[in-house]
C-alpha atoms as a PDB file:
ATOM      1  CA  MET A   1       7.695  -8.737  25.770  1.00  0.00           C
ATOM      2  CA  ARG A   2       7.344  -4.603  25.587  1.00  0.00           C
ATOM      3  CA  TYR A   3       9.803  -2.619  23.702  1.00  0.00           C
ATOM      4  CA  ARG A   4      10.614   0.751  23.307  1.00  0.00           C
ATOM      5  CA  VAL A   5      12.759   1.353  19.713  1.00  0.00           C
ATOM      6  CA  ARG A   6      14.604   4.389  18.752  1.00  0.00           C
ATOM      7  CA  HIS A   7      15.647   4.517  15.442  1.00  0.00           C
ATOM      8  CA  GLN A   8      18.033   7.821  14.682  1.00  0.00           C
ATOM      9  CA  THR A   9      19.272   8.265  11.059  1.00  0.00           C
ATOM     10  CA  VAL A  10      21.272  11.558  10.026  1.00  0.00           C
ATOM     11  CA  TYR A  11      22.552  12.647   6.572  1.00  0.00           C
ATOM     12  CA  HIS A  12      25.432  14.653   6.106  1.00  0.00           C
ATOM     13  CA  TYR A  13      25.053  16.173   2.760  1.00  0.00           C
ATOM     14  CA  GLY A  14      28.594  17.578   0.812  1.00  0.00           C
ATOM     15  CA  GLY A  15      26.381  20.631  -0.198  1.00  0.00           C
ATOM     16  CA  ASN A  16      22.561  21.796  -0.227  1.00  0.00           C
ATOM     17  CA  VAL A  17      20.008  19.501  -1.595  1.00  0.00           C
ATOM     18  CA  ALA A  18      17.746  21.472  -3.745  1.00  0.00           C
ATOM     19  CA  HIS A  19      14.530  19.456  -3.604  1.00  0.00           C
ATOM     20  CA  SER A  20      14.255  15.747  -2.263  1.00  0.00           C
ATOM     21  CA  HIS A  21      10.900  12.733  -1.502  1.00  0.00           C
ATOM     22  CA  GLN A  22      11.730   9.738   0.650  1.00  0.00           C
ATOM     23  CA  LEU A  23       9.877   7.140   1.353  1.00  0.00           C
ATOM     24  CA  LEU A  24       9.895   5.715   5.458  1.00  0.00           C
ATOM     25  CA  HIS A  25       9.647   2.464   6.825  1.00  0.00           C
ATOM     26  CA  LEU A  26       9.777   3.202   9.910  1.00  0.00           C
ATOM     27  CA  SER A  27       6.409   2.286  12.272  1.00  0.00           C
ATOM     28  CA  PRO A  28       5.886  -1.124  13.022  1.00  0.00           C
ATOM     29  CA  ARG A  29       3.064  -3.065  11.485  1.00  0.00           C
ATOM     30  CA  ASP A  30       0.156  -4.701  13.645  1.00  0.00           C
ATOM     31  CA  LEU A  31      -0.585  -8.458  14.061  1.00  0.00           C
ATOM     32  CA  PRO A  32      -1.690 -10.878  15.745  1.00  0.00           C
ATOM     33  CA  ASN A  33       1.088 -10.972  17.806  1.00  0.00           C
ATOM     34  CA  GLN A  34       2.686  -7.463  17.661  1.00  0.00           C
ATOM     35  CA  VAL A  35       0.950  -4.333  18.544  1.00  0.00           C
ATOM     36  CA  CYS A  36       2.172  -0.834  18.342  1.00  0.00           C
ATOM     37  CA  ARG A  37       1.416   1.093  20.999  1.00  0.00           C
ATOM     38  CA  SER A  38       2.668   4.450  19.851  1.00  0.00           C
ATOM     39  CA  ARG A  39       5.123   5.879  17.358  1.00  0.00           C
ATOM     40  CA  SER A  40       6.319   9.142  16.169  1.00  0.00           C
ATOM     41  CA  ILE A  41       8.629  10.228  13.537  1.00  0.00           C
ATOM     42  CA  THR A  42      10.323  14.077  14.148  1.00  0.00           C
ATOM     43  CA  LEU A  43      12.071  15.759  11.703  1.00  0.00           C
ATOM     44  CA  ASP A  44      14.581  17.978  10.732  1.00  0.00           C
ATOM     45  CA  PRO A  45      14.200  20.437   8.923  1.00  0.00           C
ATOM     46  CA  GLU A  46      10.564  19.572   8.983  1.00  0.00           C
ATOM     47  CA  PRO A  47       9.524  18.838   5.407  1.00  0.00           C
ATOM     48  CA  ASN A  48       6.971  20.996   3.128  1.00  0.00           C
ATOM     49  CA  SER A  49       4.777  18.101   2.807  1.00  0.00           C
ATOM     50  CA  ARG A  50       4.309  14.773   5.237  1.00  0.00           C
ATOM     51  CA  ARG A  51       1.931  11.840   4.322  1.00  0.00           C
ATOM     52  CA  GLU A  52       1.076   8.820   6.118  1.00  0.00           C
ATOM     53  CA  ASP A  53       0.129   5.899   3.785  1.00  0.00           C
ATOM     54  CA  SER A  54       0.270   2.202   3.084  1.00  0.00           C
ATOM     55  CA  ASP A  55       1.561   0.582   0.354  1.00  0.00           C
ATOM     56  CA  ALA A  56       1.356  -2.849  -2.235  1.00  0.00           C
ATOM     57  CA  PHE A  57       2.085  -4.804   1.164  1.00  0.00           C
ATOM     58  CA  GLY A  58       0.211  -2.905   3.907  1.00  0.00           C
ATOM     59  CA  ASN A  59       2.821  -1.853   4.868  1.00  0.00           C
ATOM     60  CA  VAL A  60       3.337   1.842   6.980  1.00  0.00           C
ATOM     61  CA  VAL A  61       5.282   4.662   4.936  1.00  0.00           C
ATOM     62  CA  THR A  62       5.793   7.739   5.284  1.00  0.00           C
ATOM     63  CA  ARG A  63       6.230  10.058   2.635  1.00  0.00           C
ATOM     64  CA  LEU A  64       8.376  13.117   2.598  1.00  0.00           C
ATOM     65  CA  GLU A  65       8.806  16.419   0.237  1.00  0.00           C
ATOM     66  CA  TYR A  66      11.689  18.606   0.499  1.00  0.00           C
ATOM     67  CA  ASP A  67      11.283  22.025  -1.423  1.00  0.00           C
ATOM     68  CA  LEU A  68      13.618  23.926   0.643  1.00  0.00           C
ATOM     69  CA  PRO A  69      17.709  24.032   0.449  1.00  0.00           C
ATOM     70  CA  HIS A  70      18.990  21.791   3.204  1.00  0.00           C
ATOM     71  CA  ASP A  71      22.511  20.166   3.884  1.00  0.00           C
ATOM     72  CA  ARG A  72      21.669  17.978   6.565  1.00  0.00           C
ATOM     73  CA  LEU A  73      18.449  15.397   7.298  1.00  0.00           C
ATOM     74  CA  GLU A  74      17.731  14.095  10.943  1.00  0.00           C
ATOM     75  CA  VAL A  75      14.769  11.092  10.943  1.00  0.00           C
ATOM     76  CA  LEU A  76      14.387   9.881  14.263  1.00  0.00           C
ATOM     77  CA  ALA A  77      11.489   7.363  14.980  1.00  0.00           C
ATOM     78  CA  GLU A  78      10.308   6.487  18.433  1.00  0.00           C
ATOM     79  CA  VAL A  79       8.012   3.401  18.995  1.00  0.00           C
ATOM     80  CA  ARG A  80       6.629   1.539  21.703  1.00  0.00           C
ATOM     81  CA  VAL A  81       5.375  -2.365  20.349  1.00  0.00           C
ATOM     82  CA  GLU A  82       4.240  -5.030  22.441  1.00  0.00           C
ATOM     83  CA  VAL A  83       5.056  -8.599  20.846  1.00  0.00           C
ATOM     84  CA  SER A  84       3.736 -12.177  21.883  1.00  0.00           C
ATOM     85  CA  ILE A  85       4.441 -15.477  21.206  1.00  0.00           C
ATOM     86  CA  PRO A  86       3.271 -16.515  17.528  1.00  0.00           C
ATOM     87  CA  ARG A  87       0.221 -18.774  17.942  1.00  0.00           C
ATOM     88  CA  HIS A  88       1.864 -21.631  16.294  1.00  0.00           C
ATOM     89  CA  ALA A  89       5.632 -21.481  17.499  1.00  0.00           C
ATOM     90  CA  ALA A  90       6.374 -25.167  18.359  1.00  0.00           C
ATOM     91  CA  GLN A  91       4.232 -26.455  15.501  1.00  0.00           C
ATOM     92  CA  THR A  92       6.619 -28.317  12.697  1.00  0.00           C
ATOM     93  CA  ASP A  93       3.835 -30.990  10.886  1.00  0.00           C
ATOM     94  CA  CYS A  94       2.749 -28.232   8.225  1.00  0.00           C
ATOM     95  CA  ALA A  95       1.889 -29.793   4.759  1.00  0.00           C
ATOM     96  CA  ALA A  96       4.543 -31.277   2.618  1.00  0.00           C
ATOM     97  CA  TRP A  97       6.813 -29.149   0.620  1.00  0.00           C
ATOM     98  CA  GLU A  98       5.757 -30.198  -2.609  1.00  0.00           C
ATOM     99  CA  GLU A  99       1.747 -30.195  -2.035  1.00  0.00           C
ATOM    100  CA  VAL A 100       2.876 -26.408  -0.559  1.00  0.00           C
ATOM    101  CA  ARG A 101       4.582 -25.917  -4.011  1.00  0.00           C
ATOM    102  CA  ASP A 102       1.642 -27.238  -6.577  1.00  0.00           C
ATOM    103  CA  SER A 103      -0.397 -25.527  -4.654  1.00  0.00           C
ATOM    104  CA  LEU A 104       0.919 -22.011  -5.231  1.00  0.00           C
ATOM    105  CA  VAL A 105       0.776 -22.199  -9.318  1.00  0.00           C
ATOM    106  CA  TYR A 106      -1.449 -19.993 -10.110  1.00  0.00           C
ATOM    107  CA  SER A 107      -4.440 -21.580 -11.222  1.00  0.00           C
ATOM    108  CA  ALA A 108      -4.683 -24.214  -8.492  1.00  0.00           C
ATOM    109  CA  ARG A 109      -6.091 -22.065  -5.782  1.00  0.00           C
ATOM    110  CA  ALA A 110      -7.319 -19.203  -7.330  1.00  0.00           C
ATOM    111  CA  VAL A 111     -10.220 -18.200  -5.081  1.00  0.00           C
ATOM    112  CA  ASP A 112      -7.877 -18.536  -2.168  1.00  0.00           C
ATOM    113  CA  PRO A 113      -7.070 -15.140  -1.279  1.00  0.00           C
ATOM    114  CA  ASP A 114      -3.984 -16.714   1.453  1.00  0.00           C
ATOM    115  CA  TYR A 115      -2.855 -18.435  -1.944  1.00  0.00           C
ATOM    116  CA  LEU A 116      -3.247 -15.259  -4.122  1.00  0.00           C
ATOM    117  CA  ASP A 117      -1.141 -13.301  -2.082  1.00  0.00           C
ATOM    118  CA  ALA A 118       1.293 -16.253  -1.585  1.00  0.00           C
ATOM    119  CA  CYS A 119       2.036 -16.332  -5.273  1.00  0.00           C
ATOM    120  CA  ARG A 120       3.364 -12.046  -5.201  1.00  0.00           C
ATOM    121  CA  PHE A 121       6.468 -14.005  -3.037  1.00  0.00           C
ATOM    122  CA  ARG A 122       7.263 -16.681  -5.291  1.00  0.00           C
ATOM    123  CA  MET A 123       8.692 -14.827  -8.295  1.00  0.00           C
ATOM    124  CA  GLU A 124      12.329 -13.710  -9.262  1.00  0.00           C
ATOM    125  CA  SER A 125      12.256  -9.898  -7.763  1.00  0.00           C
ATOM    126  CA  SER A 126      14.900  -7.159  -7.990  1.00  0.00           C
ATOM    127  CA  TYR A 127      16.951  -8.402  -5.410  1.00  0.00           C
ATOM    128  CA  VAL A 128      16.160 -12.137  -5.507  1.00  0.00           C
ATOM    129  CA  ARG A 129      17.118 -14.315  -8.483  1.00  0.00           C
ATOM    130  CA  ILE A 130      15.491 -17.673  -9.102  1.00  0.00           C
ATOM    131  CA  LYS A 131      18.636 -20.409 -10.039  1.00  0.00           C
ATOM    132  CA  HIS A 132      19.203 -23.533 -10.626  1.00  0.00           C
ATOM    133  CA  SER A 133      22.142 -23.535  -8.140  1.00  0.00           C
ATOM    134  CA  PHE A 134      20.183 -21.914  -5.379  1.00  0.00           C
ATOM    135  CA  GLY A 135      17.349 -24.861  -5.419  1.00  0.00           C
ATOM    136  CA  GLU A 136      20.187 -27.418  -5.522  1.00  0.00           C
ATOM    137  CA  TYR A 137      21.788 -26.167  -2.571  1.00  0.00           C
ATOM    138  CA  ALA A 138      18.625 -26.678  -0.638  1.00  0.00           C
ATOM    139  CA  ASP A 139      17.915 -29.649  -2.502  1.00  0.00           C
ATOM    140  CA  GLU A 140      19.255 -31.869   0.709  1.00  0.00           C
ATOM    141  CA  CYS A 141      17.092 -29.731   3.209  1.00  0.00           C
ATOM    142  CA  PHE A 142      13.615 -31.066   0.958  1.00  0.00           C
ATOM    143  CA  PRO A 143      13.746 -34.765   0.231  1.00  0.00           C
ATOM    144  CA  PRO A 144      10.011 -36.208  -0.931  1.00  0.00           C
ATOM    145  CA  ASN A 145       7.617 -35.507   1.679  1.00  0.00           C
ATOM    146  CA  ARG A 146       9.213 -33.581   4.209  1.00  0.00           C
ATOM    147  CA  SER A 147       7.253 -30.759   5.489  1.00  0.00           C
ATOM    148  CA  LEU A 148       7.792 -27.744   4.253  1.00  0.00           C
ATOM    149  CA  LEU A 149       8.827 -25.623   7.659  1.00  0.00           C
ATOM    150  CA  GLU A 150      11.264 -28.619   8.531  1.00  0.00           C
ATOM    151  CA  GLY A 151      12.938 -28.443   5.273  1.00  0.00           C
ATOM    152  CA  ALA A 152      13.240 -24.654   5.654  1.00  0.00           C
ATOM    153  CA  LEU A 153      14.444 -24.958   9.526  1.00  0.00           C
ATOM    154  CA  ALA A 154      17.021 -27.281   7.745  1.00  0.00           C
ATOM    155  CA  LEU A 155      17.759 -24.885   5.268  1.00  0.00           C
ATOM    156  CA  MET A 156      18.002 -21.714   8.089  1.00  0.00           C
ATOM    157  CA  HIS A 157      20.396 -24.228   9.698  1.00  0.00           C
ATOM    158  CA  LYS A 158      22.714 -24.888   6.947  1.00  0.00           C
ATOM    159  CA  ILE A 159      22.933 -20.866   5.599  1.00  0.00           C
ATOM    160  CA  HIS A 160      23.873 -20.259   9.128  1.00  0.00           C
ATOM    161  CA  ARG A 161      26.209 -23.171   9.386  1.00  0.00           C
ATOM    162  CA  ASP A 162      27.714 -22.707   6.238  1.00  0.00           C
ATOM    163  CA  PHE A 163      27.859 -18.398   5.568  1.00  0.00           C
ATOM    164  CA  GLU A 164      29.836 -16.188   7.642  1.00  0.00           C
ATOM    165  CA  TYR A 165      28.603 -13.098   8.651  1.00  0.00           C
ATOM    166  CA  ALA A 166      30.722 -10.765   8.160  1.00  0.00           C
ATOM    167  CA  PRO A 167      29.510  -7.018   8.392  1.00  0.00           C
ATOM    168  CA  GLY A 168      31.212  -4.386   5.703  1.00  0.00           C
ATOM    169  CA  SER A 169      32.176  -7.384   3.367  1.00  0.00           C
ATOM    170  CA  THR A 170      29.196  -6.385   1.090  1.00  0.00           C
ATOM    171  CA  ASN A 171      26.897  -3.886   0.828  1.00  0.00           C
ATOM    172  CA  ILE A 172      23.346  -2.684  -0.910  1.00  0.00           C
ATOM    173  CA  ARG A 173      24.979  -3.165  -4.237  1.00  0.00           C
ATOM    174  CA  THR A 174      26.387  -6.477  -3.371  1.00  0.00           C
ATOM    175  CA  SER A 175      23.851  -9.031  -5.609  1.00  0.00           C
ATOM    176  CA  VAL A 176      22.879 -12.328  -3.765  1.00  0.00           C
ATOM    177  CA  ILE A 177      24.996 -14.599  -6.531  1.00  0.00           C
ATOM    178  CA  GLU A 178      28.598 -12.404  -5.011  1.00  0.00           C
ATOM    179  CA  ALA A 179      27.051 -13.102  -1.338  1.00  0.00           C
ATOM    180  CA  PHE A 180      26.459 -16.446  -2.217  1.00  0.00           C
ATOM    181  CA  THR A 181      29.503 -17.223  -3.768  1.00  0.00           C
ATOM    182  CA  ALA A 182      31.674 -15.574  -1.276  1.00  0.00           C
ATOM    183  CA  ARG A 183      29.682 -17.301   1.330  1.00  0.00           C
ATOM    184  CA  ARG A 184      29.547 -14.318   3.718  1.00  0.00           C
ATOM    185  CA  GLY A 185      27.454 -11.138   4.025  1.00  0.00           C
ATOM    186  CA  VAL A 186      25.383  -9.833   6.741  1.00  0.00           C
ATOM    187  CA  CYS A 187      21.337 -10.650   7.987  1.00  0.00           C
ATOM    188  CA  GLN A 188      20.152  -8.677   4.220  1.00  0.00           C
ATOM    189  CA  ASP A 189      22.315 -11.276   2.402  1.00  0.00           C
ATOM    190  CA  PHE A 190      21.243 -13.889   4.441  1.00  0.00           C
ATOM    191  CA  ALA A 191      17.870 -13.071   4.072  1.00  0.00           C
ATOM    192  CA  HIS A 192      17.952 -13.039   0.657  1.00  0.00           C
ATOM    193  CA  ILE A 193      20.098 -15.929  -0.129  1.00  0.00           C
ATOM    194  CA  MET A 194      17.312 -17.759   1.873  1.00  0.00           C
ATOM    195  CA  LEU A 195      14.348 -16.465  -0.208  1.00  0.00           C
ATOM    196  CA  ALA A 196      16.631 -17.237  -3.158  1.00  0.00           C
ATOM    197  CA  CYS A 197      17.014 -20.841  -2.185  1.00  0.00           C
ATOM    198  CA  LEU A 198      13.063 -21.094  -1.365  1.00  0.00           C
ATOM    199  CA  ARG A 199      11.200 -19.647  -4.408  1.00  0.00           C
ATOM    200  CA  SER A 200      14.400 -21.439  -6.573  1.00  0.00           C
ATOM    201  CA  ARG A 201      11.780 -24.721  -5.588  1.00  0.00           C
ATOM    202  CA  GLY A 202       8.740 -22.857  -6.283  1.00  0.00           C
ATOM    203  CA  LEU A 203       7.823 -21.745  -2.778  1.00  0.00           C
ATOM    204  CA  ALA A 204       6.457 -18.364  -1.307  1.00  0.00           C
ATOM    205  CA  ALA A 205       8.913 -16.597   0.670  1.00  0.00           C
ATOM    206  CA  ARG A 206       9.035 -12.397   1.852  1.00  0.00           C
ATOM    207  CA  TYR A 207      11.804 -10.182   3.490  1.00  0.00           C
ATOM    208  CA  VAL A 208      10.823  -8.815   6.371  1.00  0.00           C
ATOM    209  CA  SER A 209      12.785  -6.178   7.845  1.00  0.00           C
ATOM    210  CA  GLY A 210      12.369  -4.781  11.335  1.00  0.00           C
ATOM    211  CA  TYR A 211      14.669  -4.818  15.133  1.00  0.00           C
ATOM    212  CA  LEU A 212      16.248  -6.704  17.344  1.00  0.00           C
ATOM    213  CA  ARG A 213      16.001  -6.480  20.990  1.00  0.00           C
ATOM    214  CA  THR A 214      19.367  -4.816  21.678  1.00  0.00           C
ATOM    215  CA  TYR A 215      21.245  -6.474  25.004  1.00  0.00           C
ATOM    216  CA  PRO A 216      23.571  -4.455  27.045  1.00  0.00           C
ATOM    217  CA  PRO A 217      27.400  -5.281  26.466  1.00  0.00           C
ATOM    218  CA  GLU A 218      27.745  -6.485  30.042  1.00  0.00           C
ATOM    219  CA  GLY A 219      24.920  -8.572  29.852  1.00  0.00           C
ATOM    220  CA  ALA A 220      24.625 -12.172  30.535  1.00  0.00           C
ATOM    221  CA  GLU A 221      22.990 -13.331  27.902  1.00  0.00           C
ATOM    222  CA  PRO A 222      24.917 -13.495  23.782  1.00  0.00           C
ATOM    223  CA  ALA A 223      23.029 -10.216  21.672  1.00  0.00           C
ATOM    224  CA  LEU A 224      21.881 -11.791  18.549  1.00  0.00           C
ATOM    225  CA  LEU A 225      23.535 -10.719  15.133  1.00  0.00           C
ATOM    226  CA  GLY A 226      22.337  -7.836  13.811  1.00  0.00           C
ATOM    227  CA  ALA A 227      21.464  -6.229  16.940  1.00  0.00           C
ATOM    228  CA  ASP A 228      22.176  -2.235  17.580  1.00  0.00           C
ATOM    229  CA  ALA A 229      20.697  -1.645  13.513  1.00  0.00           C
ATOM    230  CA  SER A 230      17.351  -2.687  11.211  1.00  0.00           C
ATOM    231  CA  HIS A 231      17.684  -6.433  11.126  1.00  0.00           C
ATOM    232  CA  ALA A 232      16.223  -8.218   8.278  1.00  0.00           C
ATOM    233  CA  TRP A 233      14.885 -12.160   7.749  1.00  0.00           C
ATOM    234  CA  VAL A 234      12.348 -14.311   6.382  1.00  0.00           C
ATOM    235  CA  SER A 235       8.834 -15.054   6.619  1.00  0.00           C
ATOM    236  CA  VAL A 236       8.101 -18.625   4.755  1.00  0.00           C
ATOM    237  CA  PHE A 237       4.034 -20.049   3.746  1.00  0.00           C
ATOM    238  CA  CYS A 238       3.414 -22.774   5.797  1.00  0.00           C
ATOM    239  CA  PRO A 239      -0.139 -24.058   5.137  1.00  0.00           C
ATOM    240  CA  PRO A 240      -1.932 -24.475   7.355  1.00  0.00           C
ATOM    241  CA  PHE A 241      -0.375 -22.017   9.608  1.00  0.00           C
ATOM    242  CA  GLY A 242       0.206 -18.983   7.541  1.00  0.00           C
ATOM    243  CA  TRP A 243       3.469 -17.413   7.359  1.00  0.00           C
ATOM    244  CA  ILE A 244       6.495 -18.575   9.757  1.00  0.00           C
ATOM    245  CA  ASP A 245       9.028 -16.293  10.280  1.00  0.00           C
ATOM    246  CA  LEU A 246      12.652 -17.775  10.494  1.00  0.00           C
ATOM    247  CA  ASP A 247      16.348 -15.802  11.177  1.00  0.00           C
ATOM    248  CA  PRO A 248      19.182 -17.431   9.306  1.00  0.00           C
ATOM    249  CA  THR A 249      21.519 -15.067  10.343  1.00  0.00           C
ATOM    250  CA  ASN A 250      20.760 -15.987  14.094  1.00  0.00           C
ATOM    251  CA  ASP A 251      19.866 -19.885  13.230  1.00  0.00           C
ATOM    252  CA  VAL A 252      16.067 -18.942  15.252  1.00  0.00           C
ATOM    253  CA  ARG A 253      12.748 -19.296  14.559  1.00  0.00           C
ATOM    254  CA  VAL A 254      11.262 -15.772  15.538  1.00  0.00           C
ATOM    255  CA  ALA A 255       9.407 -15.398  19.197  1.00  0.00           C
ATOM    256  CA  THR A 256       9.438 -12.354  20.817  1.00  0.00           C
ATOM    257  CA  GLU A 257      12.636 -10.845  20.619  1.00  0.00           C
ATOM    258  CA  HIS A 258      12.342  -9.367  16.882  1.00  0.00           C
ATOM    259  CA  ILE A 259      10.005  -6.122  16.099  1.00  0.00           C
ATOM    260  CA  VAL A 260       8.589  -6.313  12.385  1.00  0.00           C
ATOM    261  CA  ILE A 261       7.975  -3.246  10.396  1.00  0.00           C
ATOM    262  CA  ALA A 262       7.626  -4.129   7.361  1.00  0.00           C
ATOM    263  CA  TYR A 263       7.005  -7.191   4.644  1.00  0.00           C
ATOM    264  CA  GLY A 264       8.411  -7.181   0.995  1.00  0.00           C
ATOM    265  CA  ARG A 265       9.709  -9.183  -1.901  1.00  0.00           C
ATOM    266  CA  ASP A 266      13.151  -7.994  -0.533  1.00  0.00           C
ATOM    267  CA  PHE A 267      14.966  -5.349   0.747  1.00  0.00           C
ATOM    268  CA  GLY A 268      14.396  -2.449  -2.140  1.00  0.00           C
ATOM    269  CA  ASP A 269      10.801  -2.835  -1.134  1.00  0.00           C
ATOM    270  CA  VAL A 270      11.075  -2.341   2.222  1.00  0.00           C
ATOM    271  CA  SER A 271      14.280   0.000   2.728  1.00  0.00           C
ATOM    272  CA  PRO A 272      13.739   2.169   5.973  1.00  0.00           C
ATOM    273  CA  LEU A 273      14.783   5.477   4.061  1.00  0.00           C
ATOM    274  CA  ARG A 274      14.456   5.440   0.452  1.00  0.00           C
ATOM    275  CA  GLY A 275      14.412   8.986  -1.635  1.00  0.00           C
ATOM    276  CA  VAL A 276      15.268  10.754  -4.895  1.00  0.00           C
ATOM    277  CA  ILE A 277      17.114  13.766  -4.088  1.00  0.00           C
ATOM    278  CA  VAL A 278      18.445  16.954  -6.523  1.00  0.00           C
ATOM    279  CA  GLY A 279      21.657  18.663  -5.085  1.00  0.00           C
ATOM    280  CA  GLY A 280      23.980  17.398  -2.013  1.00  0.00           C
ATOM    281  CA  GLY A 281      26.403  15.546  -3.674  1.00  0.00           C
ATOM    282  CA  LYS A 282      28.825  12.869  -1.663  1.00  0.00           C
ATOM    283  CA  HIS A 283      26.826  12.552   1.677  1.00  0.00           C
ATOM    284  CA  ARG A 284      27.922  10.395   4.909  1.00  0.00           C
ATOM    285  CA  LEU A 285      25.273   8.489   6.755  1.00  0.00           C
ATOM    286  CA  THR A 286      25.139   7.805  11.049  1.00  0.00           C
ATOM    287  CA  VAL A 287      22.223   5.478  11.755  1.00  0.00           C
ATOM    288  CA  ARG A 288      21.662   4.309  15.717  1.00  0.00           C
ATOM    289  CA  VAL A 289      19.410   1.528  16.697  1.00  0.00           C
ATOM    290  CA  SER A 290      18.085   0.832  20.495  1.00  0.00           C
ATOM    291  CA  VAL A 291      15.657  -1.979  21.448  1.00  0.00           C
ATOM    292  CA  GLN A 292      14.343  -1.456  25.013  1.00  0.00           C
ATOM    293  CA  PRO A 293      12.642  -3.889  27.180  1.00  0.00           C
ATOM    294  CA  GLU A 294      10.076  -1.727  29.074  1.00  0.00           C
END
């Protein structure tokens, strides 16, 4: 599938921003099943300094600095991307979850770069806590000797069944424990909860930010939850296949309707726009996302 993505973000500030630094995660990753054909980021006003870079996780980032006063900032990202079916889309019979858990102990696979990389995603992070309650919630999904991927799929189904998708019920300051207790939230909360459950069992899983295909309002196919905005899901380390992406918000294994922008430990690592500003007062934010097939 080939897609055109248009992501518009507009900040209206209550007063002039005298100085700001912005970090953008708005460029798709190139992956075995995803190729970015073109990308552009248009800015109004233009920054004093702009630099393309990569972060600690290999994501493409754009760094901006503004020195001139402004009371409005518009960021328009437009990309063309091609997505194909993942190579291991039908596989479920990977290694047993206990075997993978034990192999992720730092000293066990010290010479294997894949395991070393995965170890970064099995620890507690700012938005993902390791707690007995999360491990216990996932317990029935991981009986002894079960394939890790089968267990992760069962956990995805359980979260989708037990939690209500409720836009507006949470925000970026809502903790994973609060969302877990309330049994409701949005895609960011569903992803953080699934990450907390997997990491609390000693497994490696990373947060994925990206987009979903947008369906016309009158289309015959139902729109996936989280379309028309940035979306979030989970990627699980499943040897020997590598990383497998699962979307607990929609209860689907990721195929060709998801576009990957960035990987991280949690939302804080891959926020589409994050910055530090001097001045500006309160602000109003408008975000519009469209993902259309070519």
